[in-house]
Amino acid sequence: MEQLSDLKAILHSKRANIFYLEKCRVMQKGGRVLYLSEAKNEKQYWNIPIANTTAILLGTGTSITQAAVRMLASAGVMIGFSGSGGTPLIAANEIEWLSPQSEYRPTEYIQGWMGFWFKDNKRLQAARLFQQKRIEYLKLIWSKDRDLKNEGFNPDELAIGKALDNFSARMVGSTSTGDLLLVEAQLTKQLYKIAANRTKQGDFVRDHAAADDANAFLNHGNYLAYGLAATTLWVLGIPHGFAVMHGKTRRGALVFDVADLIKDTLILPWAFICAKEGATEQEFRQQCLQNFTQHKALDFMFDAVKAVALNKDWEEDATS
């Protein structure tokens, strides 16, 4: 059987795989984690490369053995049970994951986080930093991704540039997390409108329960981003409850904060593009995973969270 050190040879920030599985059984066999699907005349086994996997979503009709969970936990893989299509997670739409149990994770990041988290002004400052990094990442990726630019997603284009500049100016002037959430929601609404216009879906309305492809793809892609965020926080040893923006009492809220770093950049435009092209759910998911790898999304999320936790890039604050 593989040793624990072998399983963790690939850093979480460099891992490439997220699995969504349905109508299968996940098990451990011969020192490997496999999933079994039943065809008409035979049973088929498929290997899951757990040392290079970030998260696994188990959809409808799945089961998993205790031995498989033990191996996945030893490799630091997040496990979530979801509905059809990878959404919602089965926890009343909350962001909850089966986290591997390890008390030997770094302590410096949670200690750094606690150093500022109980101060309202510092928590607001951290939220602003997340939003600043989010916009910087969007501008960087959209300006160099040829496929996105060909579809009209270019930060130098007037409508997009104006929306981003307006958000940045209002973000700096926000005096509370409530104000910042409002500004952030308005930006996302503008980006939905721009994306709908670019892909000729002018009648789009964001509705989590809607059955149209754009809304379904947004739901699915966002849950993939939540998986990356949950992994980032688990590896760094920061509990999900210590949010800086989405509310101190909302369960798993920090996962939302961290996922927002990449959602607008990598999920939002492709949800509309894939809907326009009539892509299947699997094709959309594969596009998202390709985006995560190509644009080093997990690396970026790790760096952003570590920078905030260790008080790097923070502005001087006379009220601290």
Protein backbone atom coordinates (compact mmCIF):
# COMPACT_ATOMS: atom_id res chain seq x y z
CA MET A 1 0.00 0.00 0.00
CA GLU A 2 1.18 3.54 -0.73
CA GLN A 3 2.77 5.39 2.15
CA LEU A 4 1.28 8.60 3.51
CA SER A 5 4.36 10.56 2.43
CA ASP A 6 3.89 9.31 -1.13
CA LEU A 7 0.25 10.34 -1.20
CA LYS A 8 1.09 13.90 -0.24
CA ALA A 9 3.98 14.24 -2.69
CA ILE A 10 1.94 16.68 -4.82
CA LEU A 11 1.25 19.97 -3.04
CA HIS A 12 -2.42 20.83 -2.77
CA SER A 13 -1.81 24.11 -4.57
CA LYS A 14 -0.51 22.15 -7.58
CA ARG A 15 -3.24 19.49 -7.76
CA ALA A 16 -5.23 19.25 -10.97
CA ASN A 17 -8.27 17.03 -10.34
CA ILE A 18 -11.78 17.57 -9.02
CA PHE A 19 -14.17 14.63 -9.43
CA TYR A 20 -17.95 14.67 -9.66
CA LEU A 21 -19.29 11.10 -9.47
CA GLU A 22 -22.81 9.73 -9.69
CA LYS A 23 -24.45 6.29 -9.88
CA CYS A 24 -21.33 4.48 -8.70
CA ARG A 25 -19.65 2.98 -5.66
CA VAL A 26 -16.35 4.36 -4.36
CA MET A 27 -14.11 1.82 -2.68
CA GLN A 28 -10.55 0.90 -1.75
CA LYS A 29 -9.05 -2.01 -3.64
CA GLY A 30 -5.42 -3.13 -3.76
CA GLY A 31 -4.14 0.03 -2.10
CA ARG A 32 -5.97 2.33 -4.52
CA VAL A 33 -9.26 4.23 -4.44
CA LEU A 34 -11.56 3.19 -7.27
CA TYR A 35 -15.10 3.85 -8.36
CA LEU A 36 -17.26 1.08 -9.74
CA SER A 37 -19.89 1.68 -12.38
CA GLU A 38 -22.16 -1.04 -13.68
CA ALA A 39 -22.69 -1.32 -17.42
CA LYS A 40 -25.28 -3.65 -18.94
CA ASN A 41 -23.08 -6.72 -19.06
CA GLU A 42 -20.10 -5.92 -16.88
CA LYS A 43 -18.73 -3.97 -13.96
CA GLN A 44 -16.13 -1.32 -14.72
CA TYR A 45 -13.50 -0.04 -12.27
CA TRP A 46 -11.88 3.37 -12.66
CA ASN A 47 -8.93 4.64 -10.66
CA ILE A 48 -9.00 7.94 -8.74
CA PRO A 49 -5.49 9.47 -8.53
CA ILE A 50 -5.91 10.65 -4.95
CA ALA A 51 -2.43 12.17 -4.62
CA ASN A 52 -3.35 14.63 -7.39
CA THR A 53 -6.98 15.25 -6.37
CA THR A 54 -8.33 18.30 -4.58
CA ALA A 55 -11.98 17.45 -3.94
CA ILE A 56 -14.59 14.82 -4.73
CA LEU A 57 -18.30 15.54 -5.09
CA LEU A 58 -20.51 12.48 -4.71
CA GLY A 59 -23.78 12.99 -6.56
CA THR A 60 -26.97 10.97 -6.78
CA GLY A 61 -26.81 7.20 -6.54
CA THR A 62 -23.34 7.03 -4.96
CA SER A 63 -21.93 5.23 -1.96
CA ILE A 64 -18.47 5.14 -0.43
CA THR A 65 -16.74 2.65 1.84
CA GLN A 66 -15.01 3.44 5.11
CA ALA A 67 -11.70 2.19 3.71
CA ALA A 68 -11.97 4.58 0.77
CA VAL A 69 -12.71 7.52 3.07
CA ARG A 70 -9.68 6.59 5.18
CA MET A 71 -7.40 6.65 2.12
CA LEU A 72 -8.89 9.88 0.79
CA ALA A 73 -8.42 11.50 4.18
CA SER A 74 -4.80 10.35 4.35
CA ALA A 75 -4.20 12.08 1.01
CA GLY A 76 -5.94 15.28 2.16
CA VAL A 77 -8.86 15.05 -0.29
CA MET A 78 -12.04 16.98 0.55
CA ILE A 79 -15.28 14.98 0.21
CA GLY A 80 -18.73 16.45 -0.35
CA PHE A 81 -22.14 14.87 -0.99
CA SER A 82 -24.15 16.80 -3.53
CA GLY A 83 -27.32 16.72 -5.53
CA SER A 84 -27.53 16.06 -9.24
CA GLY A 85 -25.05 18.04 -11.29
CA GLY A 86 -22.76 18.78 -8.37
CA THR A 87 -25.14 21.18 -6.65
CA PRO A 88 -26.32 21.77 -4.00
CA LEU A 89 -24.20 20.26 -1.28
CA ILE A 90 -26.41 18.14 0.96
CA ALA A 91 -26.46 20.42 3.98
CA ALA A 92 -29.38 22.76 3.41
CA ASN A 93 -27.36 24.62 0.78
CA GLU A 94 -24.61 25.39 3.25
CA ILE A 95 -20.96 24.93 2.35
CA GLU A 96 -19.88 21.97 4.42
CA TRP A 97 -17.25 19.38 3.56
CA LEU A 98 -16.00 16.17 5.11
CA SER A 99 -12.57 17.43 6.07
CA PRO A 100 -9.61 15.10 6.62
CA GLN A 101 -8.70 14.98 10.30
CA SER A 102 -5.15 16.13 10.88
CA GLU A 103 -3.79 18.12 13.80
CA TYR A 104 -0.38 18.48 12.15
CA ARG A 105 -1.20 21.35 9.86
CA PRO A 106 0.54 24.77 10.04
CA THR A 107 -0.34 26.97 13.01
CA GLU A 108 1.09 30.27 11.77
CA TYR A 109 -1.87 31.06 9.49
CA ILE A 110 -4.65 30.56 12.03
CA GLN A 111 -2.60 32.48 14.60
CA GLY A 112 -2.13 35.31 12.13
CA TRP A 113 -5.83 35.23 11.25
CA MET A 114 -6.84 35.43 14.89
CA GLY A 115 -4.44 38.33 15.35
CA PHE A 116 -6.72 40.60 13.32
CA TRP A 117 -10.09 38.85 13.13
CA PHE A 118 -11.57 40.18 16.38
CA LYS A 119 -10.99 43.80 15.29
CA ASP A 120 -13.78 45.17 13.10
CA ASN A 121 -11.54 47.60 11.21
CA LYS A 122 -8.94 44.91 10.51
CA ARG A 123 -11.58 42.46 9.33
CA LEU A 124 -12.89 45.11 6.93
CA GLN A 125 -9.36 45.75 5.74
CA ALA A 126 -8.90 42.04 5.06
CA ALA A 127 -12.18 41.97 3.12
CA ARG A 128 -10.99 44.88 0.99
CA LEU A 129 -7.74 43.06 0.32
CA PHE A 130 -9.62 40.00 -0.91
CA GLN A 131 -11.69 42.17 -3.24
CA GLN A 132 -8.61 43.98 -4.50
CA LYS A 133 -6.88 40.69 -5.28
CA ARG A 134 -10.06 39.41 -6.93
CA ILE A 135 -10.13 42.36 -9.37
CA GLU A 136 -6.40 42.18 -10.05
CA TYR A 137 -6.75 38.48 -10.90
CA LEU A 138 -9.72 39.12 -13.19
CA LYS A 139 -7.87 41.85 -15.10
CA LEU A 140 -4.77 39.69 -15.43
CA ILE A 141 -6.57 36.56 -16.70
CA TRP A 142 -9.08 38.28 -18.97
CA SER A 143 -6.34 40.38 -20.55
CA LYS A 144 -4.24 37.34 -21.54
CA ASP A 145 -6.83 34.59 -22.19
CA ARG A 146 -7.32 34.59 -25.97
CA ASP A 147 -10.53 32.56 -25.87
CA LEU A 148 -12.18 34.93 -23.42
CA LYS A 149 -11.07 38.00 -25.38
CA ASN A 150 -12.49 36.48 -28.56
CA GLU A 151 -15.83 36.16 -26.76
CA GLY A 152 -15.74 39.82 -25.73
CA PHE A 153 -14.44 39.45 -22.16
CA ASN A 154 -11.67 42.05 -22.23
CA PRO A 155 -10.94 44.30 -19.22
CA ASP A 156 -9.87 47.07 -21.63
CA GLU A 157 -13.33 47.12 -23.21
CA LEU A 158 -15.29 50.21 -22.13
CA ALA A 159 -18.24 48.64 -20.29
CA ILE A 160 -16.10 46.11 -18.39
CA GLY A 161 -13.35 48.61 -17.57
CA LYS A 162 -15.90 51.11 -16.28
CA ALA A 163 -17.59 48.49 -14.07
CA LEU A 164 -14.27 47.38 -12.58
CA ASP A 165 -13.01 50.93 -12.01
CA ASN A 166 -16.28 51.96 -10.38
CA PHE A 167 -16.14 48.92 -8.09
CA SER A 168 -12.53 49.63 -7.09
CA ALA A 169 -13.35 53.24 -6.20
CA ARG A 170 -16.44 52.31 -4.18
CA MET A 171 -14.61 49.44 -2.50
CA VAL A 172 -11.99 51.78 -1.08
CA GLY A 173 -14.73 54.05 0.25
CA SER A 174 -16.70 51.26 1.94
CA THR A 175 -16.97 51.81 5.68
CA SER A 176 -18.48 48.44 6.63
CA THR A 177 -18.66 44.89 5.37
CA GLY A 178 -22.34 45.52 4.64
CA ASP A 179 -21.40 48.34 2.28
CA LEU A 180 -18.73 46.17 0.69
CA LEU A 181 -21.17 43.29 0.16
CA LEU A 182 -23.61 45.66 -1.53
CA VAL A 183 -20.94 47.02 -3.87
CA GLU A 184 -19.72 43.50 -4.63
CA ALA A 185 -23.26 42.31 -5.43
CA GLN A 186 -23.75 45.24 -7.80
CA LEU A 187 -20.50 44.42 -9.62
CA THR A 188 -21.50 40.79 -10.07
CA LYS A 189 -24.90 41.89 -11.36
CA GLN A 190 -23.18 44.13 -13.90
CA LEU A 191 -20.89 41.30 -14.98
CA TYR A 192 -23.93 39.01 -15.44
CA LYS A 193 -25.50 41.64 -17.68
CA ILE A 194 -22.30 42.11 -19.70
CA ALA A 195 -21.83 38.35 -20.07
CA ALA A 196 -25.44 37.88 -21.14
CA ASN A 197 -25.08 40.59 -23.78
CA ARG A 198 -21.78 39.19 -25.06
CA THR A 199 -23.33 35.75 -25.50
CA LYS A 200 -26.71 37.01 -26.77
CA GLN A 201 -28.70 35.86 -23.74
CA GLY A 202 -30.24 39.23 -22.98
CA ASP A 203 -33.20 37.80 -21.05
CA PHE A 204 -30.96 36.22 -18.40
CA VAL A 205 -31.99 36.58 -14.75
CA ARG A 206 -29.85 35.05 -12.01
CA ASP A 207 -31.93 32.42 -10.23
CA HIS A 208 -30.31 29.55 -8.34
CA ALA A 209 -33.40 27.38 -8.87
CA ALA A 210 -33.76 28.09 -12.60
CA ALA A 211 -33.32 25.28 -15.10
CA ASP A 212 -31.69 27.21 -17.95
CA ASP A 213 -28.11 26.26 -18.81
CA ALA A 214 -26.45 29.53 -17.76
CA ASN A 215 -27.91 29.39 -14.24
CA ALA A 216 -27.22 25.67 -13.91
CA PHE A 217 -23.62 26.12 -15.05
CA LEU A 218 -23.12 29.01 -12.63
CA ASN A 219 -24.36 26.84 -9.76
CA HIS A 220 -22.16 23.93 -10.78
CA GLY A 221 -19.04 26.01 -11.38
CA ASN A 222 -19.44 27.89 -8.13
CA TYR A 223 -19.49 24.62 -6.20
CA LEU A 224 -16.25 23.61 -7.87
CA ALA A 225 -14.78 26.90 -6.67
CA TYR A 226 -16.10 26.19 -3.16
CA GLY A 227 -14.21 22.89 -3.25
CA LEU A 228 -10.95 24.69 -4.03
CA ALA A 229 -11.64 27.25 -1.30
CA ALA A 230 -12.41 24.56 1.30
CA THR A 231 -9.20 22.75 0.39
CA THR A 232 -7.15 25.93 0.68
CA LEU A 233 -8.50 26.70 4.14
CA TRP A 234 -8.13 23.13 5.40
CA VAL A 235 -4.51 22.87 4.28
CA LEU A 236 -3.67 26.22 5.91
CA GLY A 237 -5.53 25.26 9.10
CA ILE A 238 -8.06 28.11 9.08
CA PRO A 239 -11.62 27.14 10.16
CA HIS A 240 -14.42 28.06 7.77
CA GLY A 241 -16.28 30.12 10.35
CA PHE A 242 -13.82 33.01 10.53
CA ALA A 243 -15.18 34.96 7.58
CA VAL A 244 -14.15 38.53 6.82
CA MET A 245 -17.03 39.49 4.56
CA HIS A 246 -19.96 37.06 4.31
CA GLY A 247 -20.91 37.22 7.99
CA LYS A 248 -19.54 35.96 11.28
CA THR A 249 -22.54 33.72 12.00
CA ARG A 250 -23.01 32.06 8.60
CA ARG A 251 -21.70 28.52 8.64
CA GLY A 252 -18.82 28.04 6.23
CA ALA A 253 -18.83 31.71 5.27
CA LEU A 254 -15.05 31.98 4.81
CA VAL A 255 -15.34 29.43 2.00
CA PHE A 256 -17.55 31.94 0.16
CA ASP A 257 -15.00 34.72 0.74
CA VAL A 258 -12.13 32.68 -0.68
CA ALA A 259 -14.12 31.25 -3.60
CA ASP A 260 -15.04 34.79 -4.66
CA LEU A 261 -11.39 35.32 -5.54
CA ILE A 262 -11.85 33.29 -8.75
CA LYS A 263 -15.59 32.91 -9.44
CA ASP A 264 -16.09 36.02 -11.55
CA THR A 265 -12.87 35.41 -13.44
CA LEU A 266 -13.08 31.71 -14.30
CA ILE A 267 -16.67 30.55 -13.72
CA LEU A 268 -18.94 33.42 -14.73
CA PRO A 269 -17.86 33.99 -18.36
CA TRP A 270 -17.58 30.31 -19.20
CA ALA A 271 -21.02 29.54 -17.78
CA PHE A 272 -22.48 31.91 -20.38
CA ILE A 273 -20.16 30.84 -23.20
CA CYS A 274 -20.89 27.15 -22.65
CA ALA A 275 -24.61 27.85 -22.41
CA LYS A 276 -24.47 29.70 -25.73
CA GLU A 277 -22.61 26.79 -27.34
CA GLY A 278 -25.02 24.18 -26.00
CA ALA A 279 -22.30 22.40 -24.00
CA THR A 280 -23.14 19.48 -21.75
CA GLU A 281 -22.66 19.61 -18.00
CA GLN A 282 -19.59 17.40 -18.30
CA GLU A 283 -18.08 19.63 -21.01
CA PHE A 284 -18.63 22.70 -18.86
CA ARG A 285 -17.07 21.02 -15.85
CA GLN A 286 -14.05 19.99 -17.92
CA GLN A 287 -13.68 23.58 -19.13
CA CYS A 288 -13.70 24.82 -15.53
CA LEU A 289 -11.04 22.32 -14.47
CA GLN A 290 -8.91 23.30 -17.46
CA ASN A 291 -9.27 26.96 -16.44
CA PHE A 292 -8.24 26.19 -12.86
CA THR A 293 -5.08 24.45 -14.06
CA GLN A 294 -4.19 26.83 -16.87
CA HIS A 295 -4.55 29.95 -14.74
CA LYS A 296 -3.16 28.45 -11.52
CA ALA A 297 -6.32 29.23 -9.56
CA LEU A 298 -5.39 27.16 -6.52
CA ASP A 299 -1.93 28.72 -6.31
CA PHE A 300 -3.53 32.15 -6.41
CA MET A 301 -6.02 31.28 -3.67
CA PHE A 302 -3.28 29.93 -1.42
CA ASP A 303 -1.12 33.02 -1.93
CA ALA A 304 -4.04 35.39 -1.29
CA VAL A 305 -5.12 33.69 1.95
CA LYS A 306 -1.55 33.43 3.23
CA ALA A 307 -0.91 37.11 2.45
CA VAL A 308 -3.97 38.15 4.48
CA ALA A 309 -3.21 35.74 7.33
CA LEU A 310 0.39 36.95 7.64
CA ASN A 311 -0.57 40.61 7.26
CA LYS A 312 1.34 41.00 4.02
CA ASP A 313 0.27 43.78 1.60
CA TRP A 314 -1.81 45.43 4.33
CA GLU A 315 -2.13 49.19 4.25
CA GLU A 316 -1.11 51.18 7.30
CA ASP A 317 -4.07 51.74 9.57
CA ALA A 318 -3.85 54.40 12.24
CA THR A 319 -6.82 52.94 14.11
CA SER A 320 -5.29 49.48 14.52
